[in-house]
N, C-alpha and C. Protein backbone atom coordinates (compact mmCIF):
# COMPACT_ATOMS: atom_id res chain seq x y z
N MET A 1 47.13 16.62 -66.98
CA MET A 1 45.68 16.62 -66.90
C MET A 1 45.28 16.69 -65.43
N ARG A 2 44.11 17.26 -65.20
CA ARG A 2 43.57 17.39 -63.85
C ARG A 2 42.15 16.84 -63.85
N VAL A 3 41.85 15.94 -62.93
CA VAL A 3 40.53 15.32 -62.87
C VAL A 3 39.88 15.56 -61.52
N GLN A 4 38.56 15.46 -61.54
CA GLN A 4 37.79 15.49 -60.30
C GLN A 4 37.31 14.08 -60.02
N PHE A 5 37.73 13.51 -58.89
CA PHE A 5 37.27 12.17 -58.51
C PHE A 5 35.84 12.26 -58.01
N THR A 6 35.00 11.31 -58.46
CA THR A 6 33.57 11.41 -58.19
C THR A 6 32.98 10.21 -57.47
N ALA A 7 33.64 9.05 -57.48
CA ALA A 7 33.10 7.86 -56.82
C ALA A 7 34.22 6.85 -56.60
N VAL A 8 34.02 5.99 -55.59
CA VAL A 8 35.01 4.96 -55.28
C VAL A 8 34.34 3.60 -55.14
N HIS A 9 35.11 2.56 -55.43
CA HIS A 9 34.66 1.17 -55.23
C HIS A 9 35.65 0.52 -54.29
N LEU A 10 35.18 0.06 -53.13
CA LEU A 10 36.04 -0.56 -52.12
C LEU A 10 35.88 -2.07 -52.15
N VAL A 11 36.98 -2.78 -51.88
CA VAL A 11 36.96 -4.24 -51.81
C VAL A 11 37.76 -4.67 -50.58
N GLY A 12 37.14 -5.47 -49.72
CA GLY A 12 37.85 -6.08 -48.60
C GLY A 12 38.09 -5.20 -47.39
N GLY A 13 37.44 -4.06 -47.31
CA GLY A 13 37.61 -3.19 -46.16
C GLY A 13 37.07 -1.81 -46.43
N THR A 14 37.32 -0.89 -45.49
CA THR A 14 36.74 0.44 -45.58
C THR A 14 37.78 1.55 -45.57
N ARG A 15 39.05 1.22 -45.61
CA ARG A 15 40.10 2.23 -45.57
C ARG A 15 40.58 2.56 -46.98
N HIS A 16 41.42 3.59 -47.09
CA HIS A 16 41.93 4.03 -48.40
C HIS A 16 42.63 2.91 -49.15
N GLU A 17 43.31 2.04 -48.45
CA GLU A 17 44.02 0.94 -49.09
C GLU A 17 43.08 -0.05 -49.76
N HIS A 18 41.79 0.02 -49.41
CA HIS A 18 40.80 -0.91 -49.97
C HIS A 18 40.05 -0.33 -51.16
N ILE A 19 40.40 0.89 -51.56
CA ILE A 19 39.80 1.45 -52.77
C ILE A 19 40.37 0.68 -53.96
N ALA A 20 39.50 -0.03 -54.67
CA ALA A 20 39.93 -0.85 -55.80
C ALA A 20 39.83 -0.07 -57.11
N ASN A 21 38.80 0.74 -57.26
CA ASN A 21 38.57 1.52 -58.47
C ASN A 21 38.07 2.91 -58.09
N LEU A 22 38.31 3.86 -58.98
CA LEU A 22 37.82 5.22 -58.79
C LEU A 22 37.26 5.74 -60.11
N LYS A 23 36.19 6.51 -60.00
CA LYS A 23 35.65 7.22 -61.16
C LYS A 23 36.07 8.68 -61.06
N ALA A 24 36.28 9.29 -62.22
CA ALA A 24 36.68 10.69 -62.26
C ALA A 24 36.15 11.33 -63.55
N THR A 25 36.14 12.66 -63.55
CA THR A 25 35.74 13.44 -64.72
C THR A 25 36.81 14.48 -65.00
N ASP A 26 37.12 14.67 -66.27
CA ASP A 26 38.00 15.76 -66.68
C ASP A 26 37.11 16.99 -66.85
N PRO A 27 37.19 17.98 -65.94
CA PRO A 27 36.30 19.13 -66.05
C PRO A 27 36.50 19.95 -67.32
N ALA A 28 37.67 19.87 -67.92
CA ALA A 28 37.94 20.64 -69.14
C ALA A 28 37.19 20.09 -70.34
N THR A 29 36.98 18.77 -70.38
CA THR A 29 36.34 18.14 -71.54
C THR A 29 35.03 17.44 -71.21
N GLY A 30 34.79 17.15 -69.92
CA GLY A 30 33.61 16.40 -69.54
C GLY A 30 33.79 14.90 -69.67
N ARG A 31 34.94 14.46 -70.15
CA ARG A 31 35.19 13.03 -70.32
C ARG A 31 35.22 12.32 -68.98
N LYS A 32 34.59 11.14 -68.92
CA LYS A 32 34.52 10.37 -67.69
C LYS A 32 35.49 9.19 -67.75
N TYR A 33 36.06 8.85 -66.59
CA TYR A 33 37.03 7.77 -66.47
C TYR A 33 36.64 6.85 -65.33
N ASP A 34 37.01 5.59 -65.46
CA ASP A 34 36.83 4.58 -64.40
C ASP A 34 38.03 3.66 -64.50
N ASP A 35 38.88 3.67 -63.49
CA ASP A 35 40.09 2.86 -63.57
C ASP A 35 40.48 2.32 -62.20
N THR A 36 41.45 1.43 -62.19
CA THR A 36 41.91 0.81 -60.95
C THR A 36 42.74 1.77 -60.12
N ARG A 37 42.86 1.46 -58.86
CA ARG A 37 43.69 2.26 -57.97
C ARG A 37 45.11 2.35 -58.50
N SER A 38 45.69 1.24 -58.93
CA SER A 38 47.08 1.25 -59.40
C SER A 38 47.24 2.13 -60.64
N GLU A 39 46.26 2.15 -61.54
CA GLU A 39 46.34 3.03 -62.71
C GLU A 39 46.24 4.50 -62.31
N TRP A 40 45.40 4.80 -61.32
CA TRP A 40 45.31 6.18 -60.85
C TRP A 40 46.59 6.60 -60.13
N VAL A 41 47.22 5.69 -59.40
CA VAL A 41 48.51 6.01 -58.76
C VAL A 41 49.54 6.35 -59.84
N LYS A 42 49.59 5.55 -60.91
CA LYS A 42 50.50 5.85 -62.02
C LYS A 42 50.18 7.21 -62.64
N PHE A 43 48.91 7.49 -62.84
CA PHE A 43 48.45 8.76 -63.39
C PHE A 43 48.97 9.92 -62.54
N MET A 44 48.79 9.83 -61.24
CA MET A 44 49.22 10.90 -60.34
C MET A 44 50.76 11.00 -60.29
N ASN A 45 51.44 9.88 -60.28
CA ASN A 45 52.90 9.88 -60.23
C ASN A 45 53.53 10.35 -61.54
N SER A 46 52.73 10.45 -62.58
CA SER A 46 53.22 10.93 -63.88
C SER A 46 53.06 12.43 -64.04
N GLY A 47 52.75 13.12 -62.95
CA GLY A 47 52.65 14.57 -63.01
C GLY A 47 51.25 15.12 -63.18
N ASN A 48 50.25 14.24 -63.20
CA ASN A 48 48.86 14.68 -63.28
C ASN A 48 48.35 14.98 -61.88
N SER A 49 47.15 15.53 -61.81
CA SER A 49 46.61 15.86 -60.49
C SER A 49 45.12 15.57 -60.43
N GLY A 50 44.60 15.56 -59.21
CA GLY A 50 43.19 15.32 -59.00
C GLY A 50 42.72 15.95 -57.71
N TYR A 51 41.42 16.05 -57.60
CA TYR A 51 40.81 16.65 -56.42
C TYR A 51 39.41 16.08 -56.23
N VAL A 52 38.83 16.35 -55.07
CA VAL A 52 37.43 16.04 -54.81
C VAL A 52 36.77 17.31 -54.30
N ARG A 53 35.47 17.39 -54.49
CA ARG A 53 34.67 18.49 -53.94
C ARG A 53 33.63 17.89 -53.00
N ASP A 54 33.42 18.56 -51.87
CA ASP A 54 32.39 18.10 -50.97
C ASP A 54 31.06 18.77 -51.32
N GLN A 55 30.04 18.47 -50.55
CA GLN A 55 28.69 18.98 -50.84
C GLN A 55 28.59 20.49 -50.74
N TYR A 56 29.57 21.13 -50.09
CA TYR A 56 29.57 22.58 -49.94
C TYR A 56 30.43 23.28 -50.99
N GLY A 57 31.07 22.49 -51.86
CA GLY A 57 31.92 23.06 -52.90
C GLY A 57 33.37 23.19 -52.50
N ASN A 58 33.70 22.78 -51.27
CA ASN A 58 35.11 22.83 -50.83
C ASN A 58 35.92 21.80 -51.60
N GLN A 59 37.13 22.14 -51.93
CA GLN A 59 37.99 21.29 -52.74
C GLN A 59 39.15 20.77 -51.90
N ALA A 60 39.45 19.47 -52.05
CA ALA A 60 40.61 18.86 -51.39
C ALA A 60 41.46 18.18 -52.46
N GLU A 61 42.74 18.43 -52.44
CA GLU A 61 43.68 17.83 -53.40
C GLU A 61 43.89 16.36 -53.07
N VAL A 62 44.15 15.57 -54.10
CA VAL A 62 44.42 14.15 -53.94
C VAL A 62 45.90 13.90 -54.14
N GLY A 63 46.49 13.10 -53.27
CA GLY A 63 47.90 12.75 -53.38
C GLY A 63 48.09 11.25 -53.26
N VAL A 64 49.31 10.80 -53.48
CA VAL A 64 49.64 9.38 -53.39
C VAL A 64 50.32 9.12 -52.05
N ARG A 65 49.89 8.07 -51.37
CA ARG A 65 50.52 7.62 -50.13
C ARG A 65 50.94 6.17 -50.30
N SER A 66 51.85 5.72 -49.45
CA SER A 66 52.34 4.34 -49.55
C SER A 66 52.79 3.86 -48.18
N ASN A 67 52.62 2.57 -47.94
CA ASN A 67 53.13 1.96 -46.73
C ASN A 67 54.34 1.09 -47.05
N GLY A 68 54.87 1.22 -48.26
CA GLY A 68 56.00 0.42 -48.71
C GLY A 68 55.58 -0.75 -49.59
N ALA A 69 54.44 -1.36 -49.27
CA ALA A 69 53.94 -2.49 -50.05
C ALA A 69 52.78 -2.08 -50.96
N THR A 70 51.98 -1.15 -50.50
CA THR A 70 50.79 -0.73 -51.23
C THR A 70 50.79 0.79 -51.36
N SER A 71 50.42 1.27 -52.53
CA SER A 71 50.23 2.71 -52.75
C SER A 71 48.75 2.96 -52.97
N TRP A 72 48.28 4.10 -52.49
CA TRP A 72 46.88 4.45 -52.63
C TRP A 72 46.74 5.96 -52.75
N LEU A 73 45.53 6.38 -53.08
CA LEU A 73 45.23 7.81 -53.17
C LEU A 73 44.52 8.24 -51.89
N GLN A 74 44.81 9.48 -51.49
CA GLN A 74 44.15 10.05 -50.33
C GLN A 74 44.14 11.55 -50.49
N THR A 75 43.12 12.19 -49.94
CA THR A 75 43.05 13.65 -50.02
C THR A 75 43.94 14.30 -48.98
N HIS A 76 44.39 15.49 -49.33
CA HIS A 76 45.29 16.27 -48.48
C HIS A 76 44.77 17.69 -48.46
N ALA A 77 44.37 18.17 -47.29
CA ALA A 77 43.84 19.52 -47.17
C ALA A 77 44.45 20.22 -45.97
N ASP A 78 44.90 21.42 -46.17
CA ASP A 78 45.47 22.23 -45.08
C ASP A 78 46.58 21.49 -44.33
N GLY A 79 47.41 20.75 -45.07
CA GLY A 79 48.54 20.05 -44.47
C GLY A 79 48.20 18.77 -43.74
N ILE A 80 46.95 18.30 -43.87
CA ILE A 80 46.51 17.11 -43.15
C ILE A 80 45.93 16.10 -44.15
N TRP A 81 46.31 14.83 -44.01
CA TRP A 81 45.70 13.78 -44.82
C TRP A 81 44.27 13.58 -44.32
N THR A 82 43.30 13.60 -45.24
CA THR A 82 41.89 13.56 -44.88
C THR A 82 41.17 12.39 -45.56
N ASP A 83 39.88 12.24 -45.24
CA ASP A 83 39.08 11.11 -45.72
C ASP A 83 38.07 11.50 -46.80
N ASN A 84 38.29 12.59 -47.51
CA ASN A 84 37.31 13.04 -48.50
C ASN A 84 37.02 12.01 -49.58
N LEU A 85 38.02 11.22 -50.00
CA LEU A 85 37.76 10.18 -51.00
C LEU A 85 36.78 9.14 -50.46
N LEU A 86 36.91 8.80 -49.19
CA LEU A 86 36.03 7.80 -48.61
C LEU A 86 34.61 8.32 -48.44
N ALA A 87 34.41 9.63 -48.51
CA ALA A 87 33.08 10.21 -48.40
C ALA A 87 32.37 10.26 -49.76
N LEU A 88 33.06 9.93 -50.84
CA LEU A 88 32.44 9.92 -52.16
C LEU A 88 31.45 8.78 -52.29
N PRO A 89 30.50 8.90 -53.22
CA PRO A 89 29.56 7.79 -53.45
C PRO A 89 30.30 6.51 -53.82
N ARG A 90 29.69 5.38 -53.45
CA ARG A 90 30.23 4.06 -53.76
C ARG A 90 29.57 3.51 -55.03
N TYR A 91 30.31 2.64 -55.72
CA TYR A 91 29.72 1.94 -56.87
C TYR A 91 30.26 0.54 -56.93
């Protein structure tokens, strides 16, 4: 499955590691999802994929990163880890 991430909820800070929950939509069905960061990491590590779109329609792929203790999602565009997830609306 492939989803478009649409919003993030941060707890305890402002970096990617502080994203506690994310909202997403399956563009194929219109179904909406809201789940924890750890569930989304499992989703991505199970062979699924996700992306975000900016206000101009540009798309950035979402990948999983880890510091050994914590895993999180972050966008990856043109070979560079970017902050597109952090630019999404908060809830």
